[in-house]
Amino acid sequence: MLTSRPAETPSALWSAARVGAAIILSVMTLTSAYAGSVIDLSCVGAAMNFNCVAQWATAGDPYVRQVPEALGEAEKARVLARDHKWLARCRPVVERDSYGVGRYHYSAPGCEFGVGTD
């Protein structure tokens, strides 16, 4: 049987959760095994509940994305010309459906997938 009853001593639970989060933080930040790692600790809570999530990865993590270098003037001009060519061919228009959600419509096939120019 499930009940929605608050804990008997919410202040004790709250302080225990904070102590647990502090222990996690200290272990993760003071342990030399995590040197060169990416660590993210997120905690949310109120007086009646508290939740923390920790994520960490090694420096060679494939999900860490590198920021590309700034584009040169020639590359910027090429990208801008490609965008103008796509806009001229596809002519995107936003129309509201019966639910009020904006949906894009295009004048050429394949434009919804970014296809249309080389």
PDB file of N, CA and C in Angstrom:
ATOM      1  N   MET A   1       0.834  -1.157   0.000  1.00  0.00           N
ATOM      2  CA  MET A   1       0.000   0.000   0.000  1.00  0.00           C
ATOM      3  C   MET A   1       0.893   1.239   0.000  1.00  0.00           C
ATOM      4  N   LEU A   2       0.630   2.164  -0.894  1.00  0.00           N
ATOM      5  CA  LEU A   2       1.388   3.393  -0.983  1.00  0.00           C
ATOM      6  C   LEU A   2       0.646   4.506  -0.274  1.00  0.00           C
ATOM      7  N   THR A   3       1.374   5.300   0.464  1.00  0.00           N
ATOM      8  CA  THR A   3       0.770   6.458   1.110  1.00  0.00           C
ATOM      9  C   THR A   3       1.580   7.688   0.777  1.00  0.00           C
ATOM     10  N   SER A   4       0.952   8.822   0.882  1.00  0.00           N
ATOM     11  CA  SER A   4       1.637  10.085   0.656  1.00  0.00           C
ATOM     12  C   SER A   4       1.683  10.824   1.985  1.00  0.00           C
ATOM     13  N   ARG A   5       2.508  10.311   2.897  1.00  0.00           N
ATOM     14  CA  ARG A   5       2.603  10.861   4.234  1.00  0.00           C
ATOM     15  C   ARG A   5       3.996  11.437   4.419  1.00  0.00           C
ATOM     16  N   PRO A   6       4.118  12.652   4.929  1.00  0.00           N
ATOM     17  CA  PRO A   6       5.442  13.219   5.132  1.00  0.00           C
ATOM     18  C   PRO A   6       6.220  12.445   6.183  1.00  0.00           C
ATOM     19  N   ALA A   7       7.522  12.549   6.123  1.00  0.00           N
ATOM     20  CA  ALA A   7       8.392  11.863   7.076  1.00  0.00           C
ATOM     21  C   ALA A   7       8.155  12.410   8.475  1.00  0.00           C
ATOM     22  N   GLU A   8       8.438  11.573   9.471  1.00  0.00           N
ATOM     23  CA  GLU A   8       8.216  11.967  10.854  1.00  0.00           C
ATOM     24  C   GLU A   8       9.123  13.130  11.258  1.00  0.00           C
ATOM     25  N   THR A   9      10.382  13.069  10.829  1.00  0.00           N
ATOM     26  CA  THR A   9      11.331  14.118  11.204  1.00  0.00           C
ATOM     27  C   THR A   9      11.991  14.657   9.940  1.00  0.00           C
ATOM     28  N   PRO A  10      11.335  15.601   9.252  1.00  0.00           N
ATOM     29  CA  PRO A  10      11.896  16.095   7.996  1.00  0.00           C
ATOM     30  C   PRO A  10      13.216  16.818   8.179  1.00  0.00           C
ATOM     31  N   SER A  11      13.418  17.472   9.300  1.00  0.00           N
ATOM     32  CA  SER A  11      14.679  18.185   9.497  1.00  0.00           C
ATOM     33  C   SER A  11      15.844  17.209   9.612  1.00  0.00           C
ATOM     34  N   ALA A  12      15.612  16.050  10.246  1.00  0.00           N
ATOM     35  CA  ALA A  12      16.675  15.046  10.362  1.00  0.00           C
ATOM     36  C   ALA A  12      17.000  14.468   8.988  1.00  0.00           C
ATOM     37  N   LEU A  13      15.980  14.205   8.184  1.00  0.00           N
ATOM     38  CA  LEU A  13      16.219  13.679   6.847  1.00  0.00           C
ATOM     39  C   LEU A  13      16.940  14.711   5.981  1.00  0.00           C
ATOM     40  N   TRP A  14      16.540  15.958   6.109  1.00  0.00           N
ATOM     41  CA  TRP A  14      17.158  17.035   5.329  1.00  0.00           C
ATOM     42  C   TRP A  14      18.630  17.171   5.679  1.00  0.00           C
ATOM     43  N   SER A  15      18.956  17.147   6.957  1.00  0.00           N
ATOM     44  CA  SER A  15      20.365  17.280   7.349  1.00  0.00           C
ATOM     45  C   SER A  15      21.155  16.041   6.929  1.00  0.00           C
ATOM     46  N   ALA A  16      20.544  14.865   6.983  1.00  0.00           N
ATOM     47  CA  ALA A  16      21.238  13.653   6.539  1.00  0.00           C
ATOM     48  C   ALA A  16      21.515  13.713   5.046  1.00  0.00           C
ATOM     49  N   ALA A  17      20.575  14.236   4.279  1.00  0.00           N
ATOM     50  CA  ALA A  17      20.788  14.360   2.838  1.00  0.00           C
ATOM     51  C   ALA A  17      21.905  15.349   2.546  1.00  0.00           C
ATOM     52  N   ARG A  18      21.946  16.443   3.288  1.00  0.00           N
ATOM     53  CA  ARG A  18      23.020  17.412   3.069  1.00  0.00           C
ATOM     54  C   ARG A  18      24.376  16.823   3.434  1.00  0.00           C
ATOM     55  N   VAL A  19      24.433  16.049   4.488  1.00  0.00           N
ATOM     56  CA  VAL A  19      25.690  15.396   4.881  1.00  0.00           C
ATOM     57  C   VAL A  19      26.112  14.412   3.795  1.00  0.00           C
ATOM     58  N   GLY A  20      25.140  13.652   3.257  1.00  0.00           N
ATOM     59  CA  GLY A  20      25.456  12.705   2.186  1.00  0.00           C
ATOM     60  C   GLY A  20      25.981  13.406   0.945  1.00  0.00           C
ATOM     61  N   ALA A  21      25.367  14.532   0.583  1.00  0.00           N
ATOM     62  CA  ALA A  21      25.845  15.291  -0.566  1.00  0.00           C
ATOM     63  C   ALA A  21      27.241  15.844  -0.321  1.00  0.00           C
ATOM     64  N   ALA A  22      27.500  16.293   0.892  1.00  0.00           N
ATOM     65  CA  ALA A  22      28.832  16.800   1.229  1.00  0.00           C
ATOM     66  C   ALA A  22      29.876  15.697   1.152  1.00  0.00           C
ATOM     67  N   ILE A  23      29.529  14.499   1.573  1.00  0.00           N
ATOM     68  CA  ILE A  23      30.464  13.366   1.496  1.00  0.00           C
ATOM     69  C   ILE A  23      30.761  13.030   0.041  1.00  0.00           C
ATOM     70  N   ILE A  24      29.719  12.998  -0.778  1.00  0.00           N
ATOM     71  CA  ILE A  24      29.918  12.714  -2.202  1.00  0.00           C
ATOM     72  C   ILE A  24      30.833  13.755  -2.831  1.00  0.00           C
ATOM     73  N   LEU A  25      30.573  15.025  -2.529  1.00  0.00           N
ATOM     74  CA  LEU A  25      31.410  16.096  -3.074  1.00  0.00           C
ATOM     75  C   LEU A  25      32.855  15.962  -2.629  1.00  0.00           C
ATOM     76  N   SER A  26      33.071  15.705  -1.350  1.00  0.00           N
ATOM     77  CA  SER A  26      34.445  15.628  -0.858  1.00  0.00           C
ATOM     78  C   SER A  26      35.185  14.432  -1.437  1.00  0.00           C
ATOM     79  N   VAL A  27      34.504  13.294  -1.547  1.00  0.00           N
ATOM     80  CA  VAL A  27      35.147  12.108  -2.116  1.00  0.00           C
ATOM     81  C   VAL A  27      35.500  12.340  -3.584  1.00  0.00           C
ATOM     82  N   MET A  28      34.571  12.952  -4.316  1.00  0.00           N
ATOM     83  CA  MET A  28      34.799  13.155  -5.744  1.00  0.00           C
ATOM     84  C   MET A  28      35.877  14.202  -5.999  1.00  0.00           C
ATOM     85  N   THR A  29      35.942  15.233  -5.188  1.00  0.00           N
ATOM     86  CA  THR A  29      36.902  16.299  -5.458  1.00  0.00           C
ATOM     87  C   THR A  29      38.266  16.031  -4.848  1.00  0.00           C
ATOM     88  N   LEU A  30      38.334  15.260  -3.781  1.00  0.00           N
ATOM     89  CA  LEU A  30      39.617  15.034  -3.117  1.00  0.00           C
ATOM     90  C   LEU A  30      40.316  13.745  -3.548  1.00  0.00           C
ATOM     91  N   THR A  31      39.648  12.895  -4.277  1.00  0.00           N
ATOM     92  CA  THR A  31      40.241  11.636  -4.701  1.00  0.00           C
ATOM     93  C   THR A  31      41.132  11.865  -5.911  1.00  0.00           C
ATOM     94  N   SER A  32      42.363  11.404  -5.829  1.00  0.00           N
ATOM     95  CA  SER A  32      43.298  11.609  -6.934  1.00  0.00           C
ATOM     96  C   SER A  32      42.937  10.779  -8.157  1.00  0.00           C
ATOM     97  N   ALA A  33      42.105   9.751  -7.987  1.00  0.00           N
ATOM     98  CA  ALA A  33      41.705   8.927  -9.124  1.00  0.00           C
ATOM     99  C   ALA A  33      40.874   9.710 -10.126  1.00  0.00           C
ATOM    100  N   TYR A  34      40.262  10.806  -9.692  1.00  0.00           N
ATOM    101  CA  TYR A  34      39.432  11.601 -10.578  1.00  0.00           C
ATOM    102  C   TYR A  34      40.179  12.772 -11.197  1.00  0.00           C
ATOM    103  N   ALA A  35      41.488  12.813 -11.033  1.00  0.00           N
ATOM    104  CA  ALA A  35      42.258  13.905 -11.626  1.00  0.00           C
ATOM    105  C   ALA A  35      42.122  13.851 -13.141  1.00  0.00           C
ATOM    106  N   GLY A  36      41.861  14.971 -13.768  1.00  0.00           N
ATOM    107  CA  GLY A  36      41.682  15.025 -15.213  1.00  0.00           C
ATOM    108  C   GLY A  36      40.316  14.574 -15.672  1.00  0.00           C
ATOM    109  N   SER A  37      39.357  14.511 -14.755  1.00  0.00           N
ATOM    110  CA  SER A  37      38.011  14.071 -15.096  1.00  0.00           C
ATOM    111  C   SER A  37      37.053  15.246 -15.120  1.00  0.00           C
ATOM    112  N   VAL A  38      35.927  15.013 -15.746  1.00  0.00           N
ATOM    113  CA  VAL A  38      34.843  15.990 -15.771  1.00  0.00           C
ATOM    114  C   VAL A  38      33.794  15.503 -14.782  1.00  0.00           C
ATOM    115  N   ILE A  39      33.436  16.346 -13.802  1.00  0.00           N
ATOM    116  CA  ILE A  39      32.490  15.956 -12.761  1.00  0.00           C
ATOM    117  C   ILE A  39      31.357  16.969 -12.711  1.00  0.00           C
ATOM    118  N   ASP A  40      30.121  16.464 -12.612  1.00  0.00           N
ATOM    119  CA  ASP A  40      28.946  17.322 -12.500  1.00  0.00           C
ATOM    120  C   ASP A  40      28.057  16.773 -11.399  1.00  0.00           C
ATOM    121  N   LEU A  41      27.806  17.583 -10.367  1.00  0.00           N
ATOM    122  CA  LEU A  41      26.925  17.187  -9.281  1.00  0.00           C
ATOM    123  C   LEU A  41      25.745  18.146  -9.248  1.00  0.00           C
ATOM    124  N   SER A  42      24.533  17.615  -9.342  1.00  0.00           N
ATOM    125  CA  SER A  42      23.324  18.425  -9.314  1.00  0.00           C
ATOM    126  C   SER A  42      22.429  17.934  -8.188  1.00  0.00           C
ATOM    127  N   CYS A  43      21.989  18.854  -7.334  1.00  0.00           N
ATOM    128  CA  CYS A  43      21.107  18.496  -6.226  1.00  0.00           C
ATOM    129  C   CYS A  43      19.872  19.381  -6.250  1.00  0.00           C
ATOM    130  N   VAL A  44      18.733  18.785  -5.976  1.00  0.00           N
ATOM    131  CA  VAL A  44      17.480  19.511  -5.839  1.00  0.00           C
ATOM    132  C   VAL A  44      16.775  18.985  -4.606  1.00  0.00           C
ATOM    133  N   GLY A  45      15.950  19.803  -4.021  1.00  0.00           N
ATOM    134  CA  GLY A  45      15.225  19.307  -2.871  1.00  0.00           C
ATOM    135  C   GLY A  45      14.484  20.385  -2.138  1.00  0.00           C
ATOM    136  N   ALA A  46      13.678  19.933  -1.220  1.00  0.00           N
ATOM    137  CA  ALA A  46      12.929  20.797  -0.325  1.00  0.00           C
ATOM    138  C   ALA A  46      12.944  20.123   1.041  1.00  0.00           C
ATOM    139  N   ALA A  47      12.123  20.617   1.956  1.00  0.00           N
ATOM    140  CA  ALA A  47      12.138  20.080   3.316  1.00  0.00           C
ATOM    141  C   ALA A  47      11.739  18.608   3.370  1.00  0.00           C
ATOM    142  N   MET A  48      10.896  18.159   2.462  1.00  0.00           N
ATOM    143  CA  MET A  48      10.401  16.784   2.528  1.00  0.00           C
ATOM    144  C   MET A  48      11.140  15.802   1.624  1.00  0.00           C
ATOM    145  N   ASN A  49      11.857  16.287   0.618  1.00  0.00           N
ATOM    146  CA  ASN A  49      12.615  15.351  -0.216  1.00  0.00           C
ATOM    147  C   ASN A  49      13.868  16.031  -0.738  1.00  0.00           C
ATOM    148  N   PHE A  50      14.825  15.226  -1.100  1.00  0.00           N
ATOM    149  CA  PHE A  50      16.122  15.719  -1.520  1.00  0.00           C
ATOM    150  C   PHE A  50      16.715  14.689  -2.469  1.00  0.00           C
ATOM    151  N   ASN A  51      17.312  15.140  -3.588  1.00  0.00           N
ATOM    152  CA  ASN A  51      17.865  14.202  -4.560  1.00  0.00           C
ATOM    153  C   ASN A  51      19.112  14.794  -5.183  1.00  0.00           C
ATOM    154  N   CYS A  52      20.158  13.995  -5.257  1.00  0.00           N
ATOM    155  CA  CYS A  52      21.398  14.419  -5.901  1.00  0.00           C
ATOM    156  C   CYS A  52      21.768  13.425  -6.988  1.00  0.00           C
ATOM    157  N   VAL A  53      22.325  13.943  -8.064  1.00  0.00           N
ATOM    158  CA  VAL A  53      22.812  13.107  -9.159  1.00  0.00           C
ATOM    159  C   VAL A  53      24.227  13.552  -9.469  1.00  0.00           C
ATOM    160  N   ALA A  54      25.138  12.606  -9.539  1.00  0.00           N
ATOM    161  CA  ALA A  54      26.517  12.909  -9.891  1.00  0.00           C
ATOM    162  C   ALA A  54      26.857  12.190 -11.183  1.00  0.00           C
ATOM    163  N   GLN A  55      27.485  12.919 -12.098  1.00  0.00           N
ATOM    164  CA  GLN A  55      27.945  12.325 -13.347  1.00  0.00           C
ATOM    165  C   GLN A  55      29.418  12.672 -13.497  1.00  0.00           C
ATOM    166  N   TRP A  56      30.220  11.698 -13.853  1.00  0.00           N
ATOM    167  CA  TRP A  56      31.613  11.980 -14.106  1.00  0.00           C
ATOM    168  C   TRP A  56      32.089  11.162 -15.287  1.00  0.00           C
ATOM    169  N   ALA A  57      33.111  11.666 -15.926  1.00  0.00           N
ATOM    170  CA  ALA A  57      33.659  10.998 -17.102  1.00  0.00           C
ATOM    171  C   ALA A  57      35.151  11.289 -17.175  1.00  0.00           C
ATOM    172  N   THR A  58      35.848  10.439 -17.859  1.00  0.00           N
ATOM    173  CA  THR A  58      37.282  10.655 -18.028  1.00  0.00           C
ATOM    174  C   THR A  58      37.510  11.726 -19.084  1.00  0.00           C
ATOM    175  N   ALA A  59      38.723  12.233 -19.130  1.00  0.00           N
ATOM    176  CA  ALA A  59      39.041  13.316 -20.066  1.00  0.00           C
ATOM    177  C   ALA A  59      38.865  12.880 -21.519  1.00  0.00           C
ATOM    178  N   GLY A  60      38.984  11.594 -21.809  1.00  0.00           N
ATOM    179  CA  GLY A  60      38.825  11.106 -23.170  1.00  0.00           C
ATOM    180  C   GLY A  60      37.402  10.694 -23.496  1.00  0.00           C
ATOM    181  N   ASP A  61      36.426  11.193 -22.769  1.00  0.00           N
ATOM    182  CA  ASP A  61      35.023  10.834 -22.948  1.00  0.00           C
ATOM    183  C   ASP A  61      34.554  11.208 -24.356  1.00  0.00           C
ATOM    184  N   PRO A  62      33.961  10.274 -25.102  1.00  0.00           N
ATOM    185  CA  PRO A  62      33.520  10.593 -26.464  1.00  0.00           C
ATOM    186  C   PRO A  62      32.338  11.552 -26.505  1.00  0.00           C
ATOM    187  N   TYR A  63      31.650  11.769 -25.383  1.00  0.00           N
ATOM    188  CA  TYR A  63      30.502  12.660 -25.373  1.00  0.00           C
ATOM    189  C   TYR A  63      30.873  14.111 -25.070  1.00  0.00           C
ATOM    190  N   VAL A  64      32.136  14.374 -24.786  1.00  0.00           N
ATOM    191  CA  VAL A  64      32.596  15.742 -24.586  1.00  0.00           C
ATOM    192  C   VAL A  64      32.932  16.309 -25.950  1.00  0.00           C
ATOM    193  N   ARG A  65      32.267  17.389 -26.324  1.00  0.00           N
ATOM    194  CA  ARG A  65      32.439  17.979 -27.649  1.00  0.00           C
ATOM    195  C   ARG A  65      33.432  19.127 -27.597  1.00  0.00           C
ATOM    196  N   GLN A  66      34.307  19.177 -28.566  1.00  0.00           N
ATOM    197  CA  GLN A  66      35.265  20.258 -28.695  1.00  0.00           C
ATOM    198  C   GLN A  66      34.628  21.399 -29.475  1.00  0.00           C
ATOM    199  N   VAL A  67      34.877  22.607 -29.044  1.00  0.00           N
ATOM    200  CA  VAL A  67      34.352  23.774 -29.743  1.00  0.00           C
ATOM    201  C   VAL A  67      35.202  24.002 -30.989  1.00  0.00           C
ATOM    202  N   PRO A  68      34.571  24.133 -32.164  1.00  0.00           N
ATOM    203  CA  PRO A  68      35.361  24.332 -33.384  1.00  0.00           C
ATOM    204  C   PRO A  68      36.013  25.710 -33.398  1.00  0.00           C
ATOM    205  N   GLU A  69      37.053  25.810 -34.176  1.00  0.00           N
ATOM    206  CA  GLU A  69      37.736  27.092 -34.323  1.00  0.00           C
ATOM    207  C   GLU A  69      36.843  28.073 -35.072  1.00  0.00           C
ATOM    208  N   ALA A  70      37.132  29.355 -34.909  1.00  0.00           N
ATOM    209  CA  ALA A  70      36.357  30.387 -35.590  1.00  0.00           C
ATOM    210  C   ALA A  70      36.553  30.265 -37.097  1.00  0.00           C
ATOM    211  N   LEU A  71      35.491  30.580 -37.828  1.00  0.00           N
ATOM    212  CA  LEU A  71      35.546  30.496 -39.283  1.00  0.00           C
ATOM    213  C   LEU A  71      36.336  31.678 -39.847  1.00  0.00           C
ATOM    214  N   GLY A  72      37.065  31.426 -40.908  1.00  0.00           N
ATOM    215  CA  GLY A  72      37.747  32.496 -41.617  1.00  0.00           C
ATOM    216  C   GLY A  72      36.753  33.241 -42.495  1.00  0.00           C
ATOM    217  N   GLU A  73      37.179  34.342 -43.071  1.00  0.00           N
ATOM    218  CA  GLU A  73      36.282  35.158 -43.906  1.00  0.00           C
ATOM    219  C   GLU A  73      35.787  34.386 -45.134  1.00  0.00           C
ATOM    220  N   ALA A  74      36.655  33.607 -45.756  1.00  0.00           N
ATOM    221  CA  ALA A  74      36.253  32.837 -46.941  1.00  0.00           C
ATOM    222  C   ALA A  74      35.207  31.786 -46.568  1.00  0.00           C
ATOM    223  N   GLU A  75      35.409  31.125 -45.430  1.00  0.00           N
ATOM    224  CA  GLU A  75      34.456  30.101 -44.975  1.00  0.00           C
ATOM    225  C   GLU A  75      33.120  30.746 -44.605  1.00  0.00           C
ATOM    226  N   LYS A  76      33.143  31.910 -43.955  1.00  0.00           N
ATOM    227  CA  LYS A  76      31.909  32.617 -43.620  1.00  0.00           C
ATOM    228  C   LYS A  76      31.126  32.987 -44.885  1.00  0.00           C
ATOM    229  N   ALA A  77      31.828  33.459 -45.899  1.00  0.00           N
ATOM    230  CA  ALA A  77      31.175  33.843 -47.151  1.00  0.00           C
ATOM    231  C   ALA A  77      30.560  32.625 -47.840  1.00  0.00           C
ATOM    232  N   ARG A  78      31.262  31.486 -47.812  1.00  0.00           N
ATOM    233  CA  ARG A  78      30.749  30.263 -48.423  1.00  0.00           C
ATOM    234  C   ARG A  78      29.496  29.778 -47.706  1.00  0.00           C
ATOM    235  N   VAL A  79      29.504  29.803 -46.375  1.00  0.00           N
ATOM    236  CA  VAL A  79      28.342  29.364 -45.593  1.00  0.00           C
ATOM    237  C   VAL A  79      27.161  30.298 -45.819  1.00  0.00           C
ATOM    238  N   LEU A  80      27.404  31.584 -45.849  1.00  0.00           N
ATOM    239  CA  LEU A  80      26.342  32.557 -46.080  1.00  0.00           C
ATOM    240  C   LEU A  80      25.724  32.387 -47.472  1.00  0.00           C
ATOM    241  N   ALA A  81      26.546  32.135 -48.487  1.00  0.00           N
ATOM    242  CA  ALA A  81      26.041  31.916 -49.845  1.00  0.00           C
ATOM    243  C   ALA A  81      25.202  30.642 -49.911  1.00  0.00           C
ATOM    244  N   ARG A  82      25.641  29.586 -49.214  1.00  0.00           N
ATOM    245  CA  ARG A  82      24.884  28.334 -49.186  1.00  0.00           C
ATOM    246  C   ARG A  82      23.531  28.544 -48.506  1.00  0.00           C
ATOM    247  N   ASP A  83      23.513  29.305 -47.407  1.00  0.00           N
ATOM    248  CA  ASP A  83      22.256  29.577 -46.712  1.00  0.00           C
ATOM    249  C   ASP A  83      21.292  30.376 -47.587  1.00  0.00           C
ATOM    250  N   HIS A  84      21.808  31.385 -48.288  1.00  0.00           N
ATOM    251  CA  HIS A  84      20.954  32.192 -49.169  1.00  0.00           C
ATOM    252  C   HIS A  84      20.390  31.345 -50.313  1.00  0.00           C
ATOM    253  N   LYS A  85      21.197  30.430 -50.827  1.00  0.00           N
ATOM    254  CA  LYS A  85      20.743  29.550 -51.907  1.00  0.00           C
ATOM    255  C   LYS A  85      19.634  28.623 -51.407  1.00  0.00           C
ATOM    256  N   TRP A  86      19.794  28.099 -50.181  1.00  0.00           N
ATOM    257  CA  TRP A  86      18.774  27.224 -49.602  1.00  0.00           C
ATOM    258  C   TRP A  86      17.480  27.996 -49.359  1.00  0.00           C
ATOM    259  N   LEU A  87      17.577  29.203 -48.813  1.00  0.00           N
ATOM    260  CA  LEU A  87      16.386  30.016 -48.559  1.00  0.00           C
ATOM    261  C   LEU A  87      15.649  30.358 -49.853  1.00  0.00           C
ATOM    262  N   ALA A  88      16.400  30.665 -50.922  1.00  0.00           N
ATOM    263  CA  ALA A  88      15.774  31.001 -52.202  1.00  0.00           C
ATOM    264  C   ALA A  88      15.054  29.789 -52.790  1.00  0.00           C
ATOM    265  N   ARG A  89      15.596  28.594 -52.644  1.00  0.00           N
ATOM    266  CA  ARG A  89      14.978  27.397 -53.206  1.00  0.00           C
ATOM    267  C   ARG A  89      13.829  26.883 -52.344  1.00  0.00           C
ATOM    268  N   CYS A  90      14.019  26.848 -51.025  1.00  0.00           N
ATOM    269  CA  CYS A  90      13.049  26.197 -50.138  1.00  0.00           C
ATOM    270  C   CYS A  90      11.952  27.125 -49.624  1.00  0.00           C
ATOM    271  N   ARG A  91      12.216  28.399 -49.518  1.00  0.00           N
ATOM    272  CA  ARG A  91      11.254  29.392 -49.041  1.00  0.00           C
ATOM    273  C   ARG A  91      10.448  28.880 -47.840  1.00  0.00           C
ATOM    274  N   PRO A  92      11.084  28.729 -46.664  1.00  0.00           N
ATOM    275  CA  PRO A  92      10.370  28.220 -45.487  1.00  0.00           C
ATOM    276  C   PRO A  92       9.323  29.212 -44.985  1.00  0.00           C
ATOM    277  N   VAL A  93       8.153  28.672 -44.612  1.00  0.00           N
ATOM    278  CA  VAL A  93       7.046  29.466 -44.079  1.00  0.00           C
ATOM    279  C   VAL A  93       6.510  28.734 -42.851  1.00  0.00           C
ATOM    280  N   VAL A  94       6.257  29.468 -41.775  1.00  0.00           N
ATOM    281  CA  VAL A  94       5.673  28.876 -40.570  1.00  0.00           C
ATOM    282  C   VAL A  94       4.166  29.103 -40.613  1.00  0.00           C
ATOM    283  N   GLU A  95       3.412  28.002 -40.526  1.00  0.00           N
ATOM    284  CA  GLU A  95       1.953  28.069 -40.489  1.00  0.00           C
ATOM    285  C   GLU A  95       1.476  27.359 -39.234  1.00  0.00           C
ATOM    286  N   ARG A  96       0.464  27.899 -38.598  1.00  0.00           N
ATOM    287  CA  ARG A  96      -0.096  27.311 -37.378  1.00  0.00           C
ATOM    288  C   ARG A  96      -1.079  26.204 -37.737  1.00  0.00           C
ATOM    289  N   ASP A  97      -0.978  25.072 -37.025  1.00  0.00           N
ATOM    290  CA  ASP A  97      -1.936  23.989 -37.252  1.00  0.00           C
ATOM    291  C   ASP A  97      -3.176  24.217 -36.385  1.00  0.00           C
ATOM    292  N   SER A  98      -4.081  23.251 -36.360  1.00  0.00           N
ATOM    293  CA  SER A  98      -5.338  23.410 -35.622  1.00  0.00           C
ATOM    294  C   SER A  98      -5.138  23.515 -34.113  1.00  0.00           C
ATOM    295  N   TYR A  99      -3.971  23.113 -33.610  1.00  0.00           N
ATOM    296  CA  TYR A  99      -3.655  23.204 -32.187  1.00  0.00           C
ATOM    297  C   TYR A  99      -2.863  24.466 -31.847  1.00  0.00           C
ATOM    298  N   GLY A 100      -2.532  25.263 -32.853  1.00  0.00           N
ATOM    299  CA  GLY A 100      -1.767  26.477 -32.624  1.00  0.00           C
ATOM    300  C   GLY A 100      -0.265  26.285 -32.646  1.00  0.00           C
ATOM    301  N   VAL A 101       0.178  25.099 -33.014  1.00  0.00           N
ATOM    302  CA  VAL A 101       1.602  24.800 -33.072  1.00  0.00           C
ATOM    303  C   VAL A 101       2.153  25.258 -34.420  1.00  0.00           C
ATOM    304  N   GLY A 102       3.246  26.007 -34.392  1.00  0.00           N
ATOM    305  CA  GLY A 102       3.861  26.464 -35.628  1.00  0.00           C
ATOM    306  C   GLY A 102       4.593  25.332 -36.333  1.00  0.00           C
ATOM    307  N   ARG A 103       4.295  25.139 -37.596  1.00  0.00           N
ATOM    308  CA  ARG A 103       4.934  24.080 -38.390  1.00  0.00           C
ATOM    309  C   ARG A 103       5.535  24.711 -39.644  1.00  0.00           C
ATOM    310  N   TYR A 104       6.737  24.251 -39.985  1.00  0.00           N
ATOM    311  CA  TYR A 104       7.397  24.759 -41.186  1.00  0.00           C
ATOM    312  C   TYR A 104       6.874  24.035 -42.421  1.00  0.00           C
ATOM    313  N   HIS A 105       6.686  24.789 -43.477  1.00  0.00           N
ATOM    314  CA  HIS A 105       6.317  24.247 -44.787  1.00  0.00           C
ATOM    315  C   HIS A 105       7.319  24.793 -45.798  1.00  0.00           C
ATOM    316  N   TYR A 106       7.695  23.953 -46.771  1.00  0.00           N
ATOM    317  CA  TYR A 106       8.726  24.311 -47.743  1.00  0.00           C
ATOM    318  C   TYR A 106       8.177  24.175 -49.154  1.00  0.00           C
ATOM    319  N   SER A 107       8.783  24.918 -50.078  1.00  0.00           N
ATOM    320  CA  SER A 107       8.307  24.900 -51.460  1.00  0.00           C
ATOM    321  C   SER A 107       8.991  23.832 -52.314  1.00  0.00           C
ATOM    322  N   ALA A 108       9.975  23.142 -51.792  1.00  0.00           N
ATOM    323  CA  ALA A 108      10.685  22.114 -52.558  1.00  0.00           C
ATOM    324  C   ALA A 108      10.844  20.855 -51.704  1.00  0.00           C
ATOM    325  N   PRO A 109      10.838  19.687 -52.344  1.00  0.00           N
ATOM    326  CA  PRO A 109      11.007  18.444 -51.586  1.00  0.00           C
ATOM    327  C   PRO A 109      12.427  18.313 -51.037  1.00  0.00           C
ATOM    328  N   GLY A 110      12.531  17.711 -49.863  1.00  0.00           N
ATOM    329  CA  GLY A 110      13.832  17.485 -49.237  1.00  0.00           C
ATOM    330  C   GLY A 110      14.294  18.622 -48.353  1.00  0.00           C
ATOM    331  N   CYS A 111      13.640  19.767 -48.425  1.00  0.00           N
ATOM    332  CA  CYS A 111      14.075  20.916 -47.628  1.00  0.00           C
ATOM    333  C   CYS A 111      13.876  20.685 -46.136  1.00  0.00           C
ATOM    334  N   GLU A 112      12.889  19.869 -45.767  1.00  0.00           N
ATOM    335  CA  GLU A 112      12.668  19.605 -44.348  1.00  0.00           C
ATOM    336  C   GLU A 112      13.821  18.844 -43.716  1.00  0.00           C
ATOM    337  N   PHE A 113      14.678  18.259 -44.544  1.00  0.00           N
ATOM    338  CA  PHE A 113      15.840  17.533 -44.055  1.00  0.00           C
ATOM    339  C   PHE A 113      17.131  18.315 -44.265  1.00  0.00           C
ATOM    340  N   GLY A 114      17.030  19.558 -44.709  1.00  0.00           N
ATOM    341  CA  GLY A 114      18.220  20.363 -44.977  1.00  0.00           C
ATOM    342  C   GLY A 114      18.821  20.102 -46.330  1.00  0.00           C
ATOM    343  N   VAL A 115      18.144  19.280 -47.148  1.00  0.00           N
ATOM    344  CA  VAL A 115      18.640  18.954 -48.480  1.00  0.00           C
ATOM    345  C   VAL A 115      18.160  20.030 -49.444  1.00  0.00           C
ATOM    346  N   GLY A 116      18.916  20.319 -50.421  1.00  0.00           N
ATOM    347  CA  GLY A 116      18.456  21.274 -51.413  1.00  0.00           C
ATOM    348  C   GLY A 116      19.575  22.026 -52.067  1.00  0.00           C
ATOM    349  N   THR A 117      20.718  22.110 -51.424  1.00  0.00           N
ATOM    350  CA  THR A 117      21.874  22.789 -52.019  1.00  0.00           C
ATOM    351  C   THR A 117      23.109  21.952 -51.751  1.00  0.00           C
ATOM    352  N   ASP A 118      24.108  22.197 -52.499  1.00  0.00           N
ATOM    353  CA  ASP A 118      25.391  21.491 -52.312  1.00  0.00           C
ATOM    354  C   ASP A 118      26.411  22.394 -51.709  1.00  0.00           C
TER     355      ASP A 118
END
